[in-house]
């Protein structure tokens, strides 16, 4: 087993120590990830990403750091003073989630 599957938190829980769980811990994070996977070809302001995700911009700001720390989302150049974000298409995590999302969407069309 890899080092990542063996890590436990102080209470002996795998889930609480899991990067996977941390990334998808809330529906807001799932929504943010979904937006950036679907809009992988464009840069988005926090307001636009939040609007597309159906969340408040403050919720976006509270959660974007987790994605940045994991290298999934990165800051792009500011435009007219507005910070912009984009999917880090070089990230192995982003690639894996993109593939999973694509397969889930294909599967849902056949069900």
N, C-alpha and C. Protein backbone atom coordinates (compact mmCIF):
# COMPACT_ATOMS: atom_id res chain seq x y z
N UNK A 1 0.84 -1.18 0.00
CA UNK A 1 0.00 0.00 0.00
C UNK A 1 0.88 1.24 0.00
N UNK A 2 0.35 2.30 -0.59
CA UNK A 2 1.13 3.53 -0.64
C UNK A 2 1.05 4.26 0.69
N UNK A 3 1.97 5.19 0.84
CA UNK A 3 2.02 6.00 2.06
C UNK A 3 0.71 6.76 2.26
N UNK A 4 0.05 7.17 1.16
CA UNK A 4 -1.18 7.96 1.25
C UNK A 4 -2.35 7.15 1.79
N UNK A 5 -2.39 5.86 1.54
CA UNK A 5 -3.49 5.05 2.03
C UNK A 5 -3.30 4.63 3.48
N UNK A 6 -2.10 4.76 4.01
CA UNK A 6 -1.80 4.34 5.37
C UNK A 6 -1.93 5.46 6.40
N UNK A 7 -2.07 6.69 5.96
CA UNK A 7 -2.07 7.82 6.88
C UNK A 7 -3.39 7.90 7.65
N UNK A 8 -3.29 8.05 8.94
CA UNK A 8 -4.46 8.18 9.82
C UNK A 8 -4.39 9.52 10.52
N UNK A 9 -5.56 10.03 10.92
CA UNK A 9 -5.54 11.24 11.72
C UNK A 9 -5.37 10.85 13.20
N UNK A 10 -5.42 11.83 14.09
CA UNK A 10 -5.20 11.58 15.52
C UNK A 10 -6.23 10.62 16.11
N UNK A 11 -7.42 10.54 15.51
CA UNK A 11 -8.48 9.66 16.00
C UNK A 11 -8.46 8.29 15.32
N UNK A 12 -7.47 8.05 14.48
CA UNK A 12 -7.38 6.76 13.80
C UNK A 12 -8.26 6.65 12.58
N UNK A 13 -8.73 7.77 12.04
CA UNK A 13 -9.62 7.77 10.89
C UNK A 13 -8.85 7.97 9.60
N UNK A 14 -9.12 7.14 8.62
CA UNK A 14 -8.54 7.35 7.30
C UNK A 14 -9.19 8.55 6.62
N UNK A 15 -10.51 8.64 6.71
CA UNK A 15 -11.26 9.67 5.99
C UNK A 15 -10.85 11.08 6.38
N UNK A 16 -10.67 11.33 7.65
CA UNK A 16 -10.33 12.68 8.09
C UNK A 16 -8.93 13.10 7.65
N UNK A 17 -8.06 12.14 7.37
CA UNK A 17 -6.71 12.45 6.93
C UNK A 17 -6.59 12.44 5.40
N UNK A 18 -7.70 12.14 4.72
CA UNK A 18 -7.70 11.96 3.28
C UNK A 18 -7.75 13.28 2.52
N UNK A 19 -6.81 13.46 1.59
CA UNK A 19 -6.83 14.61 0.70
C UNK A 19 -8.09 14.57 -0.16
N UNK A 20 -8.48 13.40 -0.58
CA UNK A 20 -9.69 13.23 -1.40
C UNK A 20 -10.92 13.75 -0.66
N UNK A 21 -11.06 13.35 0.59
CA UNK A 21 -12.20 13.80 1.40
C UNK A 21 -12.12 15.31 1.61
N UNK A 22 -10.94 15.81 1.89
CA UNK A 22 -10.79 17.25 2.12
C UNK A 22 -11.20 18.05 0.89
N UNK A 23 -10.82 17.58 -0.28
CA UNK A 23 -11.13 18.28 -1.52
C UNK A 23 -12.63 18.28 -1.80
N UNK A 24 -13.30 17.18 -1.50
CA UNK A 24 -14.72 17.05 -1.80
C UNK A 24 -15.59 17.09 -0.55
N UNK A 25 -15.08 17.71 0.49
CA UNK A 25 -15.74 17.71 1.80
C UNK A 25 -17.12 18.36 1.81
N UNK A 26 -17.33 19.37 0.99
CA UNK A 26 -18.60 20.08 1.00
C UNK A 26 -19.19 20.14 -0.41
N UNK A 27 -20.49 20.33 -0.48
CA UNK A 27 -21.13 20.45 -1.79
C UNK A 27 -20.61 21.69 -2.52
N UNK A 28 -20.22 22.72 -1.80
CA UNK A 28 -19.67 23.92 -2.43
C UNK A 28 -18.37 23.58 -3.16
N UNK A 29 -17.53 22.77 -2.55
CA UNK A 29 -16.27 22.39 -3.20
C UNK A 29 -16.53 21.53 -4.43
N UNK A 30 -17.49 20.63 -4.34
CA UNK A 30 -17.84 19.80 -5.49
C UNK A 30 -18.34 20.70 -6.62
N UNK A 31 -19.15 21.69 -6.30
CA UNK A 31 -19.68 22.61 -7.31
C UNK A 31 -18.56 23.43 -7.95
N UNK A 32 -17.64 23.90 -7.14
CA UNK A 32 -16.50 24.68 -7.66
C UNK A 32 -15.67 23.82 -8.60
N UNK A 33 -15.36 22.62 -8.18
CA UNK A 33 -14.58 21.71 -9.01
C UNK A 33 -15.30 21.43 -10.32
N UNK A 34 -16.60 21.19 -10.26
CA UNK A 34 -17.38 20.92 -11.46
C UNK A 34 -17.32 22.09 -12.45
N UNK A 35 -17.43 23.30 -11.94
CA UNK A 35 -17.36 24.49 -12.81
C UNK A 35 -16.02 24.55 -13.52
N UNK A 36 -14.95 24.39 -12.78
CA UNK A 36 -13.63 24.50 -13.40
C UNK A 36 -13.33 23.34 -14.35
N UNK A 37 -13.86 22.17 -14.08
CA UNK A 37 -13.69 21.06 -15.02
C UNK A 37 -14.47 21.31 -16.30
N UNK A 38 -15.67 21.84 -16.16
CA UNK A 38 -16.49 22.13 -17.35
C UNK A 38 -15.97 23.33 -18.12
N UNK A 39 -15.42 24.29 -17.43
CA UNK A 39 -14.92 25.52 -18.07
C UNK A 39 -13.39 25.51 -18.11
N UNK A 40 -12.80 24.35 -18.29
CA UNK A 40 -11.34 24.19 -18.24
C UNK A 40 -10.60 25.06 -19.24
N UNK A 41 -11.27 25.53 -20.24
CA UNK A 41 -10.63 26.30 -21.32
C UNK A 41 -10.65 27.80 -21.07
N UNK A 42 -11.18 28.24 -19.97
CA UNK A 42 -11.30 29.68 -19.74
C UNK A 42 -10.88 30.07 -18.33
N UNK A 43 -10.58 31.34 -18.17
CA UNK A 43 -10.27 31.90 -16.85
C UNK A 43 -11.54 32.56 -16.31
N UNK A 44 -11.76 32.40 -15.03
CA UNK A 44 -12.98 32.91 -14.41
C UNK A 44 -12.65 33.79 -13.21
N UNK A 45 -13.43 34.84 -13.06
CA UNK A 45 -13.34 35.63 -11.84
C UNK A 45 -14.03 34.84 -10.72
N UNK A 46 -13.77 35.21 -9.50
CA UNK A 46 -14.43 34.57 -8.37
C UNK A 46 -15.94 34.72 -8.49
N UNK A 47 -16.39 35.91 -8.89
CA UNK A 47 -17.83 36.17 -9.02
C UNK A 47 -18.46 35.26 -10.07
N UNK A 48 -17.79 35.11 -11.22
CA UNK A 48 -18.33 34.28 -12.30
C UNK A 48 -18.33 32.81 -11.90
N UNK A 49 -17.24 32.36 -11.29
CA UNK A 49 -17.17 30.96 -10.84
C UNK A 49 -18.25 30.68 -9.80
N UNK A 50 -18.43 31.60 -8.87
CA UNK A 50 -19.46 31.44 -7.84
C UNK A 50 -20.85 31.40 -8.46
N UNK A 51 -21.10 32.30 -9.41
CA UNK A 51 -22.40 32.34 -10.09
C UNK A 51 -22.68 31.02 -10.81
N UNK A 52 -21.69 30.53 -11.55
CA UNK A 52 -21.86 29.27 -12.28
C UNK A 52 -22.05 28.08 -11.32
N UNK A 53 -21.43 28.15 -10.15
CA UNK A 53 -21.54 27.08 -9.16
C UNK A 53 -22.80 27.20 -8.31
N UNK A 54 -23.47 28.34 -8.39
CA UNK A 54 -24.67 28.54 -7.57
C UNK A 54 -24.37 28.75 -6.11
N UNK A 55 -23.24 29.41 -5.83
CA UNK A 55 -22.83 29.68 -4.45
C UNK A 55 -22.51 31.16 -4.31
N UNK A 56 -22.40 31.62 -3.08
CA UNK A 56 -21.99 33.01 -2.83
C UNK A 56 -20.51 33.17 -3.12
N UNK A 57 -20.13 34.36 -3.54
CA UNK A 57 -18.72 34.62 -3.82
C UNK A 57 -17.88 34.45 -2.56
N UNK A 58 -18.43 34.75 -1.39
CA UNK A 58 -17.69 34.54 -0.14
C UNK A 58 -17.42 33.06 0.09
N UNK A 59 -18.33 32.20 -0.31
CA UNK A 59 -18.13 30.76 -0.20
C UNK A 59 -17.01 30.32 -1.13
N UNK A 60 -16.98 30.88 -2.33
CA UNK A 60 -15.89 30.58 -3.26
C UNK A 60 -14.55 30.94 -2.62
N UNK A 61 -14.45 32.15 -2.08
CA UNK A 61 -13.19 32.60 -1.48
C UNK A 61 -12.78 31.74 -0.28
N UNK A 62 -13.75 31.25 0.49
CA UNK A 62 -13.43 30.39 1.64
C UNK A 62 -12.88 29.04 1.20
N UNK A 63 -13.20 28.62 -0.01
CA UNK A 63 -12.83 27.28 -0.46
C UNK A 63 -11.74 27.21 -1.51
N UNK A 64 -11.48 28.28 -2.21
CA UNK A 64 -10.52 28.22 -3.32
C UNK A 64 -9.11 27.88 -2.86
N UNK A 65 -8.75 28.25 -1.65
CA UNK A 65 -7.41 27.96 -1.14
C UNK A 65 -7.11 26.47 -1.12
N UNK A 66 -8.10 25.65 -0.81
CA UNK A 66 -7.91 24.20 -0.78
C UNK A 66 -7.51 23.71 -2.17
N UNK A 67 -8.19 24.21 -3.20
CA UNK A 67 -7.88 23.81 -4.57
C UNK A 67 -6.51 24.32 -5.01
N UNK A 68 -6.17 25.51 -4.57
CA UNK A 68 -4.86 26.06 -4.91
C UNK A 68 -3.74 25.28 -4.22
N UNK A 69 -3.94 24.94 -2.94
CA UNK A 69 -2.94 24.17 -2.19
C UNK A 69 -2.68 22.82 -2.85
N UNK A 70 -3.70 22.23 -3.43
CA UNK A 70 -3.59 20.92 -4.06
C UNK A 70 -3.20 21.03 -5.53
N UNK A 71 -3.07 22.25 -6.02
CA UNK A 71 -2.63 22.47 -7.39
C UNK A 71 -3.70 22.24 -8.44
N UNK A 72 -4.96 22.15 -8.05
CA UNK A 72 -6.04 21.89 -8.99
C UNK A 72 -6.47 23.16 -9.71
N UNK A 73 -6.57 24.25 -8.96
CA UNK A 73 -6.93 25.55 -9.52
C UNK A 73 -5.77 26.49 -9.25
N UNK A 74 -5.50 27.36 -10.21
CA UNK A 74 -4.42 28.32 -10.04
C UNK A 74 -4.90 29.71 -10.42
N UNK A 75 -4.21 30.70 -9.86
CA UNK A 75 -4.51 32.08 -10.21
C UNK A 75 -3.98 32.36 -11.60
N UNK A 76 -4.74 33.15 -12.35
CA UNK A 76 -4.31 33.61 -13.67
C UNK A 76 -4.04 35.10 -13.55
N UNK A 77 -3.70 35.73 -14.65
CA UNK A 77 -3.44 37.17 -14.62
C UNK A 77 -4.70 37.94 -14.27
N UNK A 78 -4.51 39.00 -13.52
CA UNK A 78 -5.63 39.89 -13.22
C UNK A 78 -6.01 40.64 -14.48
N UNK A 79 -7.30 40.89 -14.63
CA UNK A 79 -7.80 41.69 -15.74
C UNK A 79 -8.65 42.80 -15.14
N UNK A 80 -8.28 44.02 -15.42
CA UNK A 80 -8.98 45.20 -14.90
C UNK A 80 -9.10 45.13 -13.37
N UNK A 81 -8.05 44.66 -12.73
CA UNK A 81 -8.01 44.61 -11.28
C UNK A 81 -8.75 43.43 -10.66
N UNK A 82 -9.34 42.57 -11.50
CA UNK A 82 -10.09 41.42 -10.98
C UNK A 82 -9.22 40.17 -11.07
N UNK A 83 -9.03 39.51 -9.93
CA UNK A 83 -8.27 38.25 -9.89
C UNK A 83 -9.06 37.20 -10.66
N UNK A 84 -8.36 36.40 -11.44
CA UNK A 84 -8.98 35.35 -12.23
C UNK A 84 -8.34 34.00 -11.87
N UNK A 85 -9.11 32.94 -12.07
CA UNK A 85 -8.67 31.60 -11.74
C UNK A 85 -8.89 30.69 -12.95
N UNK A 86 -8.10 29.60 -13.00
CA UNK A 86 -8.27 28.62 -14.07
C UNK A 86 -7.90 27.24 -13.52
N UNK A 87 -8.41 26.24 -14.21
CA UNK A 87 -8.03 24.87 -13.89
C UNK A 87 -6.57 24.68 -14.26
N UNK A 88 -5.82 24.06 -13.38
CA UNK A 88 -4.43 23.73 -13.68
C UNK A 88 -4.44 22.42 -14.45
N UNK A 89 -4.42 22.52 -15.77
CA UNK A 89 -4.54 21.34 -16.62
C UNK A 89 -3.31 20.43 -16.57
N UNK A 90 -2.24 20.88 -15.93
CA UNK A 90 -1.05 20.05 -15.75
C UNK A 90 -1.13 19.23 -14.46
N UNK A 91 -2.08 19.54 -13.62
CA UNK A 91 -2.23 18.85 -12.34
C UNK A 91 -2.73 17.42 -12.55
N UNK A 92 -2.01 16.44 -12.00
CA UNK A 92 -2.49 15.05 -12.09
C UNK A 92 -3.86 14.87 -11.43
N UNK A 93 -4.10 15.62 -10.36
CA UNK A 93 -5.39 15.53 -9.67
C UNK A 93 -6.50 16.09 -10.57
N UNK A 94 -6.25 17.23 -11.19
CA UNK A 94 -7.25 17.83 -12.09
C UNK A 94 -7.51 16.90 -13.28
N UNK A 95 -6.45 16.29 -13.81
CA UNK A 95 -6.60 15.36 -14.93
C UNK A 95 -7.46 14.16 -14.52
N UNK A 96 -7.20 13.63 -13.34
CA UNK A 96 -7.96 12.47 -12.86
C UNK A 96 -9.43 12.82 -12.66
N UNK A 97 -9.70 13.97 -12.06
CA UNK A 97 -11.09 14.38 -11.87
C UNK A 97 -11.76 14.67 -13.21
N UNK A 98 -11.03 15.25 -14.15
CA UNK A 98 -11.58 15.51 -15.47
C UNK A 98 -11.98 14.23 -16.17
N UNK A 99 -11.12 13.23 -16.09
CA UNK A 99 -11.42 11.94 -16.70
C UNK A 99 -12.63 11.29 -16.03
N UNK A 100 -12.66 11.34 -14.71
CA UNK A 100 -13.79 10.76 -13.97
C UNK A 100 -15.08 11.47 -14.32
N UNK A 101 -15.05 12.79 -14.40
CA UNK A 101 -16.25 13.55 -14.74
C UNK A 101 -16.73 13.18 -16.14
N UNK A 102 -15.80 13.09 -17.09
CA UNK A 102 -16.15 12.74 -18.47
C UNK A 102 -16.82 11.36 -18.51
N UNK A 103 -16.24 10.40 -17.80
CA UNK A 103 -16.79 9.06 -17.79
C UNK A 103 -18.16 9.02 -17.11
N UNK A 104 -18.33 9.77 -16.04
CA UNK A 104 -19.63 9.83 -15.37
C UNK A 104 -20.69 10.45 -16.28
N UNK A 105 -20.32 11.51 -17.00
CA UNK A 105 -21.27 12.15 -17.91
C UNK A 105 -21.64 11.20 -19.04
N UNK A 106 -20.65 10.49 -19.58
CA UNK A 106 -20.95 9.50 -20.63
C UNK A 106 -21.85 8.40 -20.11
N UNK A 107 -21.57 7.91 -18.90
CA UNK A 107 -22.37 6.85 -18.30
C UNK A 107 -23.79 7.32 -18.05
N UNK A 108 -23.96 8.55 -17.61
CA UNK A 108 -25.32 9.04 -17.29
C UNK A 108 -26.17 9.16 -18.55
N UNK A 109 -25.56 9.30 -19.72
CA UNK A 109 -26.30 9.38 -20.98
C UNK A 109 -26.83 8.00 -21.39
N UNK A 110 -26.17 6.94 -20.93
CA UNK A 110 -26.59 5.59 -21.31
C UNK A 110 -27.56 4.98 -20.31
N UNK A 111 -27.71 5.57 -19.17
CA UNK A 111 -28.58 5.01 -18.12
C UNK A 111 -30.00 5.49 -18.31
